[in-house]
Amino acid sequence: MPTTLLQISYSLGNIESAAHQFWQSAHRYNILAFSGEMGAGKTTFIHALCNVLGVQDAVSSPTFALVNEYHFDEAGTDRTIYHMDWYRLKDTQDAIDAGMEDNMLQNDKYSFVEWPEKAPELLPRPHLWIAIEATAPEEREMTVSIME
C-alpha cells in the first residue's frame, strides 16, 4: 500500500521552488517514477529538478534515446542520474530488452523514470511514485508516494 510522502501545488513560475521542496524529501530514494498524462509536465519538472541539483548537462526528453545520463555534484561526489522515458516501450519484456532494468540496479545512481506504467514490475522497492496532474494550463498538482 503506498504511503503519501508529499503533496505540492505549483506553477511554471515557481517550479524550481517546488523542485527544491520535492528534493528535500526525495533525495533518499534512488528510483523516482514520474507518472502523468501527456503534457502534464513530467519532463519540465525533471528539467527544473536538474537545475536545482546543478546539472550542467543538457536536460531533454529521452523519448527516442530511451535514456539520457546527467551528472551533478553532491557534497564533492559526482552523482549520476539516468533519465528514462518508457513511453515507446510496449511492455516489461521490451523494457528489459532495452536495458532499463540494469540502470535501476545501480544503487549509487538515481533513476528518473517517465511513463513507469509501461513496466511497473521493473521498479525496485522502495521507490517514489510521483503523480503529476495539470489542474490548469500552467498549474500542476503533484502527489509523491512511497512504494514499499
Protein backbone atom coordinates (compact mmCIF):
# COMPACT_ATOMS: atom_id res chain seq x y z
CA MET A 1 0.00 0.00 0.00
CA PRO A 2 1.51 3.35 -1.00
CA THR A 3 2.16 5.97 1.66
CA THR A 4 1.77 9.63 0.68
CA LEU A 5 5.04 11.43 1.39
CA LEU A 6 4.31 14.85 -0.06
CA GLN A 7 1.77 16.93 -1.95
CA ILE A 8 2.84 20.05 -3.83
CA SER A 9 0.88 22.53 -5.91
CA TYR A 10 3.00 24.61 -8.26
CA SER A 11 3.01 26.68 -11.41
CA LEU A 12 5.62 27.20 -14.09
CA GLY A 13 6.52 30.43 -12.27
CA ASN A 14 7.54 28.66 -9.05
CA ILE A 15 8.53 25.24 -10.40
CA GLU A 16 12.14 25.48 -9.18
CA SER A 17 10.92 26.22 -5.65
CA ALA A 18 8.66 23.16 -5.89
CA ALA A 19 11.59 21.08 -7.20
CA HIS A 20 13.73 22.19 -4.25
CA GLN A 21 10.93 21.28 -1.79
CA PHE A 22 10.49 17.94 -3.56
CA TRP A 23 14.22 17.10 -3.40
CA GLN A 24 14.32 17.67 0.37
CA SER A 25 12.18 14.52 0.76
CA ALA A 26 13.01 12.62 -2.43
CA HIS A 27 16.83 12.55 -2.28
CA ARG A 28 16.81 9.46 -0.06
CA TYR A 29 15.31 7.37 -2.88
CA ASN A 30 17.25 6.27 -5.95
CA ILE A 31 14.23 5.42 -8.10
CA LEU A 32 11.78 8.22 -8.90
CA ALA A 33 8.85 7.22 -11.15
CA PHE A 34 7.08 10.19 -12.77
CA SER A 35 3.52 9.45 -13.87
CA GLY A 36 1.04 11.72 -15.64
CA GLU A 37 -0.84 12.28 -18.85
CA MET A 38 0.89 13.51 -21.98
CA GLY A 39 1.64 17.19 -21.40
CA ALA A 40 1.31 17.00 -17.61
CA GLY A 41 4.84 18.34 -17.20
CA LYS A 42 6.96 15.33 -16.27
CA THR A 43 9.96 16.37 -18.36
CA THR A 44 9.51 20.03 -17.40
CA PHE A 45 9.62 19.12 -13.70
CA ILE A 46 12.65 16.86 -14.16
CA HIS A 47 14.38 19.72 -16.01
CA ALA A 48 13.65 22.08 -13.08
CA LEU A 49 14.87 19.45 -10.61
CA CYS A 50 18.11 19.05 -12.55
CA ASN A 51 18.54 22.85 -12.46
CA VAL A 52 18.12 22.77 -8.67
CA LEU A 53 20.71 19.98 -8.44
CA GLY A 54 23.21 21.93 -10.55
CA VAL A 55 23.26 19.54 -13.50
CA GLN A 56 25.45 21.08 -16.21
CA ASP A 57 24.46 18.60 -18.94
CA ALA A 58 21.74 19.48 -21.45
CA VAL A 59 18.50 18.11 -19.97
CA SER A 60 15.94 16.96 -22.52
CA SER A 61 13.29 14.33 -23.05
CA PRO A 62 14.83 10.89 -23.73
CA THR A 63 11.78 9.79 -25.74
CA PHE A 64 13.83 8.48 -28.65
CA ALA A 65 17.10 7.67 -26.89
CA LEU A 66 15.15 6.00 -24.01
CA VAL A 67 17.88 7.06 -21.53
CA ASN A 68 19.81 10.29 -21.01
CA GLU A 69 22.65 10.46 -18.49
CA TYR A 70 23.32 13.56 -16.40
CA HIS A 71 25.81 14.38 -13.66
CA PHE A 72 25.80 16.67 -10.63
CA ASP A 73 27.98 17.31 -7.62
CA GLU A 74 26.62 16.12 -4.27
CA ALA A 75 28.89 17.06 -1.36
CA GLY A 76 32.01 16.71 -3.50
CA THR A 77 30.91 13.44 -5.12
CA ASP A 78 29.98 13.13 -8.80
CA ARG A 79 26.47 11.66 -8.89
CA THR A 80 24.76 10.16 -11.93
CA ILE A 81 21.13 10.48 -12.98
CA TYR A 82 19.61 8.15 -15.57
CA HIS A 83 16.62 9.97 -17.06
CA MET A 84 14.47 7.31 -18.73
CA ASP A 85 11.36 7.62 -20.86
CA TRP A 86 9.42 4.38 -21.24
CA TYR A 87 6.65 5.83 -23.44
CA ARG A 88 7.78 3.95 -26.56
CA LEU A 89 8.20 0.62 -24.74
CA LYS A 90 5.49 -1.99 -25.27
CA ASP A 91 5.77 -3.92 -22.02
CA THR A 92 8.10 -5.22 -19.30
CA GLN A 93 10.00 -7.55 -21.62
CA ASP A 94 10.61 -4.69 -24.04
CA ALA A 95 12.00 -2.63 -21.12
CA ILE A 96 14.29 -5.49 -20.05
CA ASP A 97 15.49 -5.97 -23.63
CA ALA A 98 16.29 -2.23 -23.80
CA GLY A 99 18.45 -2.48 -20.63
CA MET A 100 16.20 -0.40 -18.37
CA GLU A 101 16.45 -2.87 -15.50
CA ASP A 102 20.26 -2.68 -15.47
CA ASN A 103 20.17 1.10 -15.00
CA MET A 104 17.96 0.88 -11.93
CA LEU A 105 20.01 -1.80 -10.19
CA GLN A 106 22.93 0.59 -9.69
CA ASN A 107 22.34 1.72 -6.11
CA ASP A 108 24.79 4.61 -6.31
CA LYS A 109 22.87 6.26 -9.17
CA TYR A 110 19.50 7.96 -9.45
CA SER A 111 16.87 6.83 -11.98
CA PHE A 112 14.18 9.31 -13.02
CA VAL A 113 11.59 7.29 -14.98
CA GLU A 114 8.86 8.84 -17.13
CA TRP A 115 5.91 6.62 -18.10
CA PRO A 116 6.64 3.95 -15.45
CA GLU A 117 3.19 2.46 -16.12
CA LYS A 118 4.71 0.65 -19.11
CA ALA A 119 6.73 -1.71 -16.85
CA PRO A 120 5.97 -1.07 -13.16
CA GLU A 121 7.27 -4.54 -12.22
CA LEU A 122 10.81 -3.37 -13.02
CA LEU A 123 10.82 -0.67 -10.36
CA PRO A 124 12.79 -1.88 -7.33
CA ARG A 125 11.24 -1.20 -3.96
CA PRO A 126 11.25 1.10 -2.21
CA HIS A 127 10.77 3.80 -4.82
CA LEU A 128 8.82 7.02 -5.16
CA TRP A 129 5.80 7.28 -7.42
CA ILE A 130 5.26 10.91 -8.44
CA ALA A 131 1.84 11.60 -9.95
CA ILE A 132 1.65 14.95 -11.77
CA GLU A 133 -1.71 16.35 -12.81
CA ALA A 134 -2.42 19.51 -14.79
CA THR A 135 -5.13 21.42 -12.90
CA ALA A 136 -4.98 24.50 -15.20
CA PRO A 137 -2.84 25.44 -18.22
CA GLU A 138 0.13 26.44 -16.04
CA GLU A 139 -0.84 24.88 -12.70
CA ARG A 140 0.15 21.42 -11.50
CA GLU A 141 -0.62 19.18 -8.53
CA MET A 142 1.98 16.61 -7.52
CA THR A 143 1.44 13.68 -5.18
CA VAL A 144 4.55 11.81 -4.09
CA SER A 145 4.01 8.31 -2.69
CA ILE A 146 6.43 5.79 -1.21
CA MET A 147 6.06 2.37 -2.79
CA GLU A 148 7.43 -0.24 -0.41
